[in-house]
């Protein structure tokens, strides 16, 4: 997870760029960050703690891409729905 977090943080300028649409940002996220995160995941022990860590980092990254602060008190379900709705509107 550390390497994937490093890749995500190096792309901060892209996440905050208003010139790129959300579809492009999500494609970059899936291609660069998720592929780094999931490389070698088959060797991880499947446990509740590892699952919770993966979900937490996934939601944190989604919020950062969508520019949603934790202070906004938005649930993870709403964040996922917002991502989907933005993709549908842009296509």
N, C-alpha and C. Protein backbone atom coordinates (compact mmCIF):
# COMPACT_ATOMS: atom_id res chain seq x y z
N UNK A 1 0.82 -1.19 0.00
CA UNK A 1 0.00 0.00 0.00
C UNK A 1 0.86 1.25 0.00
N UNK A 2 2.03 1.16 0.56
CA UNK A 2 2.92 2.32 0.62
C UNK A 2 3.34 2.81 -0.76
N UNK A 3 3.67 1.87 -1.65
CA UNK A 3 4.08 2.25 -3.00
C UNK A 3 2.92 2.88 -3.76
N UNK A 4 1.74 2.30 -3.63
CA UNK A 4 0.57 2.85 -4.32
C UNK A 4 0.23 4.24 -3.78
N UNK A 5 0.37 4.44 -2.49
CA UNK A 5 0.13 5.75 -1.91
C UNK A 5 1.15 6.77 -2.44
N UNK A 6 2.38 6.33 -2.61
CA UNK A 6 3.41 7.20 -3.19
C UNK A 6 3.07 7.61 -4.62
N UNK A 7 2.58 6.65 -5.41
CA UNK A 7 2.18 6.94 -6.78
C UNK A 7 1.01 7.93 -6.77
N UNK A 8 0.04 7.70 -5.89
CA UNK A 8 -1.12 8.59 -5.81
C UNK A 8 -0.69 10.01 -5.45
N UNK A 9 0.18 10.14 -4.48
CA UNK A 9 0.62 11.46 -4.04
C UNK A 9 1.43 12.18 -5.11
N UNK A 10 2.18 11.44 -5.92
CA UNK A 10 2.94 12.08 -7.00
C UNK A 10 2.02 12.64 -8.08
N UNK A 11 0.79 12.18 -8.13
CA UNK A 11 -0.17 12.64 -9.12
C UNK A 11 -1.09 13.73 -8.58
N UNK A 12 -0.74 14.34 -7.46
CA UNK A 12 -1.59 15.34 -6.82
C UNK A 12 -1.93 16.49 -7.76
N UNK A 13 -0.98 16.94 -8.56
CA UNK A 13 -1.26 18.04 -9.49
C UNK A 13 -2.35 17.65 -10.49
N UNK A 14 -2.38 16.40 -10.88
CA UNK A 14 -3.41 15.93 -11.80
C UNK A 14 -4.77 15.91 -11.12
N UNK A 15 -4.82 15.46 -9.87
CA UNK A 15 -6.10 15.38 -9.15
C UNK A 15 -6.71 16.77 -8.97
N UNK A 16 -5.86 17.79 -8.79
CA UNK A 16 -6.36 19.14 -8.55
C UNK A 16 -6.51 19.96 -9.83
N UNK A 17 -6.14 19.41 -10.97
CA UNK A 17 -6.23 20.12 -12.24
C UNK A 17 -7.69 20.21 -12.69
N UNK A 18 -8.17 21.42 -12.85
CA UNK A 18 -9.56 21.62 -13.28
C UNK A 18 -9.73 21.43 -14.78
N UNK A 19 -8.63 21.38 -15.52
CA UNK A 19 -8.71 21.22 -16.96
C UNK A 19 -8.97 19.79 -17.40
N UNK A 20 -8.72 18.82 -16.53
CA UNK A 20 -8.97 17.42 -16.86
C UNK A 20 -10.35 17.01 -16.37
N UNK A 21 -11.04 16.23 -17.18
CA UNK A 21 -12.35 15.77 -16.72
C UNK A 21 -12.19 14.57 -15.80
N UNK A 22 -13.25 14.26 -15.09
CA UNK A 22 -13.20 13.19 -14.08
C UNK A 22 -12.95 11.83 -14.70
N UNK A 23 -13.43 11.63 -15.92
CA UNK A 23 -13.23 10.35 -16.60
C UNK A 23 -11.73 10.09 -16.81
N UNK A 24 -11.01 11.10 -17.24
CA UNK A 24 -9.56 10.96 -17.45
C UNK A 24 -8.85 10.70 -16.14
N UNK A 25 -9.24 11.41 -15.09
CA UNK A 25 -8.61 11.22 -13.79
C UNK A 25 -8.83 9.81 -13.26
N UNK A 26 -10.04 9.30 -13.43
CA UNK A 26 -10.34 7.96 -12.95
C UNK A 26 -9.58 6.91 -13.76
N UNK A 27 -9.46 7.13 -15.06
CA UNK A 27 -8.68 6.20 -15.89
C UNK A 27 -7.21 6.18 -15.44
N UNK A 28 -6.64 7.35 -15.16
CA UNK A 28 -5.27 7.43 -14.65
C UNK A 28 -5.16 6.73 -13.30
N UNK A 29 -6.13 6.97 -12.44
CA UNK A 29 -6.15 6.34 -11.12
C UNK A 29 -6.17 4.81 -11.25
N UNK A 30 -7.06 4.30 -12.09
CA UNK A 30 -7.16 2.85 -12.26
C UNK A 30 -5.90 2.27 -12.87
N UNK A 31 -5.34 2.97 -13.85
CA UNK A 31 -4.18 2.45 -14.55
C UNK A 31 -2.91 2.50 -13.71
N UNK A 32 -2.66 3.63 -13.08
CA UNK A 32 -1.39 3.82 -12.37
C UNK A 32 -1.44 3.41 -10.90
N UNK A 33 -2.47 3.84 -10.20
CA UNK A 33 -2.51 3.64 -8.75
C UNK A 33 -3.02 2.24 -8.39
N UNK A 34 -4.18 1.88 -8.94
CA UNK A 34 -4.75 0.57 -8.59
C UNK A 34 -3.87 -0.59 -9.07
N UNK A 35 -3.25 -0.44 -10.24
CA UNK A 35 -2.39 -1.52 -10.70
C UNK A 35 -1.18 -1.68 -9.78
N UNK A 36 -0.66 -0.57 -9.26
CA UNK A 36 0.44 -0.64 -8.30
C UNK A 36 -0.02 -1.27 -6.99
N UNK A 37 -1.20 -0.88 -6.55
CA UNK A 37 -1.75 -1.41 -5.29
C UNK A 37 -1.99 -2.91 -5.38
N UNK A 38 -2.55 -3.35 -6.49
CA UNK A 38 -2.96 -4.74 -6.61
C UNK A 38 -1.86 -5.68 -7.09
N UNK A 39 -0.69 -5.13 -7.44
CA UNK A 39 0.41 -5.99 -7.85
C UNK A 39 0.85 -6.83 -6.66
N UNK A 40 0.77 -8.10 -6.78
CA UNK A 40 1.19 -9.00 -5.71
C UNK A 40 0.17 -9.19 -4.61
N UNK A 41 -1.06 -8.70 -4.80
CA UNK A 41 -2.07 -8.79 -3.76
C UNK A 41 -2.46 -10.25 -3.48
N UNK A 42 -2.25 -11.12 -4.45
CA UNK A 42 -2.61 -12.52 -4.24
C UNK A 42 -1.77 -13.18 -3.14
N UNK A 43 -0.69 -12.54 -2.76
CA UNK A 43 0.17 -13.08 -1.70
C UNK A 43 -0.23 -12.56 -0.33
N UNK A 44 -1.11 -11.58 -0.26
CA UNK A 44 -1.53 -11.02 1.02
C UNK A 44 -2.49 -11.99 1.70
N UNK A 45 -2.39 -12.11 3.01
CA UNK A 45 -3.39 -12.91 3.72
C UNK A 45 -4.72 -12.15 3.73
N UNK A 46 -5.80 -12.86 3.43
CA UNK A 46 -7.11 -12.22 3.42
C UNK A 46 -7.60 -12.18 4.86
N UNK A 47 -7.66 -10.98 5.39
CA UNK A 47 -8.13 -10.81 6.76
C UNK A 47 -9.02 -9.59 6.81
N UNK A 48 -9.74 -9.47 7.90
CA UNK A 48 -10.63 -8.33 8.07
C UNK A 48 -9.82 -7.04 8.11
N UNK A 49 -8.68 -7.07 8.76
CA UNK A 49 -7.85 -5.86 8.88
C UNK A 49 -7.35 -5.41 7.52
N UNK A 50 -6.85 -6.35 6.70
CA UNK A 50 -6.37 -5.98 5.37
C UNK A 50 -7.50 -5.46 4.49
N UNK A 51 -8.67 -6.06 4.60
CA UNK A 51 -9.83 -5.62 3.83
C UNK A 51 -10.22 -4.20 4.24
N UNK A 52 -10.22 -3.93 5.53
CA UNK A 52 -10.57 -2.59 6.01
C UNK A 52 -9.54 -1.55 5.56
N UNK A 53 -8.28 -1.93 5.56
CA UNK A 53 -7.24 -1.00 5.11
C UNK A 53 -7.41 -0.67 3.63
N UNK A 54 -7.69 -1.70 2.82
CA UNK A 54 -7.90 -1.47 1.39
C UNK A 54 -9.12 -0.58 1.14
N UNK A 55 -10.20 -0.83 1.85
CA UNK A 55 -11.40 0.00 1.68
C UNK A 55 -11.14 1.45 2.11
N UNK A 56 -10.42 1.61 3.20
CA UNK A 56 -10.14 2.96 3.70
C UNK A 56 -9.29 3.75 2.71
N UNK A 57 -8.25 3.14 2.19
CA UNK A 57 -7.39 3.86 1.25
C UNK A 57 -8.13 4.12 -0.06
N UNK A 58 -8.97 3.19 -0.48
CA UNK A 58 -9.76 3.36 -1.70
C UNK A 58 -10.69 4.56 -1.57
N UNK A 59 -11.40 4.65 -0.46
CA UNK A 59 -12.33 5.76 -0.26
C UNK A 59 -11.59 7.08 -0.06
N UNK A 60 -10.47 7.05 0.60
CA UNK A 60 -9.68 8.28 0.79
C UNK A 60 -9.22 8.82 -0.56
N UNK A 61 -8.75 7.94 -1.43
CA UNK A 61 -8.30 8.37 -2.75
C UNK A 61 -9.46 8.89 -3.58
N UNK A 62 -10.61 8.24 -3.53
CA UNK A 62 -11.78 8.70 -4.28
C UNK A 62 -12.18 10.09 -3.84
N UNK A 63 -12.18 10.32 -2.54
CA UNK A 63 -12.55 11.63 -2.01
C UNK A 63 -11.58 12.71 -2.49
N UNK A 64 -10.31 12.36 -2.54
CA UNK A 64 -9.33 13.35 -2.98
C UNK A 64 -9.50 13.67 -4.46
N UNK A 65 -9.76 12.67 -5.28
CA UNK A 65 -9.96 12.90 -6.71
C UNK A 65 -11.21 13.74 -6.94
N UNK A 66 -12.28 13.48 -6.19
CA UNK A 66 -13.53 14.21 -6.34
C UNK A 66 -13.56 15.52 -5.56
N UNK A 67 -12.48 15.81 -4.85
CA UNK A 67 -12.35 17.04 -4.06
C UNK A 67 -13.44 17.14 -2.98
N UNK A 68 -13.63 16.04 -2.26
CA UNK A 68 -14.59 16.00 -1.16
C UNK A 68 -13.79 15.87 0.13
N UNK A 69 -13.92 16.84 1.00
CA UNK A 69 -13.22 16.84 2.27
C UNK A 69 -13.96 15.97 3.28
N UNK A 70 -13.24 15.46 4.25
CA UNK A 70 -13.88 14.69 5.31
C UNK A 70 -14.77 15.60 6.15
N UNK A 71 -14.48 16.90 6.11
CA UNK A 71 -15.28 17.88 6.85
C UNK A 71 -16.68 18.04 6.26
N UNK A 72 -16.85 17.64 5.00
CA UNK A 72 -18.15 17.75 4.35
C UNK A 72 -19.15 16.73 4.86
N UNK A 73 -18.68 15.76 5.62
CA UNK A 73 -19.52 14.71 6.22
C UNK A 73 -20.35 13.99 5.17
N UNK A 74 -19.69 13.52 4.12
CA UNK A 74 -20.33 12.78 3.04
C UNK A 74 -20.00 11.30 3.23
N UNK A 75 -21.00 10.44 3.15
CA UNK A 75 -20.77 9.01 3.36
C UNK A 75 -20.07 8.40 2.14
N UNK A 76 -19.49 7.24 2.35
CA UNK A 76 -18.79 6.55 1.27
C UNK A 76 -19.75 6.15 0.15
N UNK A 77 -20.98 5.80 0.49
CA UNK A 77 -21.97 5.45 -0.53
C UNK A 77 -22.25 6.64 -1.44
N UNK A 78 -22.35 7.81 -0.86
CA UNK A 78 -22.61 9.02 -1.65
C UNK A 78 -21.41 9.33 -2.54
N UNK A 79 -20.20 9.12 -2.03
CA UNK A 79 -18.99 9.36 -2.82
C UNK A 79 -18.96 8.43 -4.02
N UNK A 80 -19.28 7.16 -3.82
CA UNK A 80 -19.30 6.20 -4.93
C UNK A 80 -20.39 6.57 -5.94
N UNK A 81 -21.54 6.98 -5.46
CA UNK A 81 -22.63 7.38 -6.36
C UNK A 81 -22.25 8.63 -7.14
N UNK A 82 -21.60 9.57 -6.47
CA UNK A 82 -21.19 10.81 -7.14
C UNK A 82 -20.20 10.52 -8.25
N UNK A 83 -19.26 9.62 -7.99
CA UNK A 83 -18.28 9.25 -9.02
C UNK A 83 -18.99 8.66 -10.22
N UNK A 84 -19.95 7.77 -9.97
CA UNK A 84 -20.68 7.13 -11.06
C UNK A 84 -21.49 8.16 -11.85
N UNK A 85 -22.17 9.06 -11.14
CA UNK A 85 -23.00 10.05 -11.81
C UNK A 85 -22.16 11.00 -12.66
N UNK A 86 -20.99 11.38 -12.16
CA UNK A 86 -20.14 12.27 -12.93
C UNK A 86 -19.63 11.59 -14.19
N UNK A 87 -19.36 10.30 -14.10
CA UNK A 87 -18.91 9.57 -15.28
C UNK A 87 -20.02 9.48 -16.32
N UNK A 88 -21.25 9.24 -15.88
CA UNK A 88 -22.37 9.12 -16.81
C UNK A 88 -22.64 10.46 -17.48
N UNK A 89 -22.57 11.55 -16.73
CA UNK A 89 -22.85 12.87 -17.29
C UNK A 89 -21.80 13.25 -18.32
N UNK A 90 -20.53 12.91 -18.07
CA UNK A 90 -19.46 13.30 -18.99
C UNK A 90 -19.43 12.46 -20.25
N UNK A 91 -19.96 11.25 -20.20
CA UNK A 91 -19.95 10.38 -21.38
C UNK A 91 -21.09 10.76 -22.24
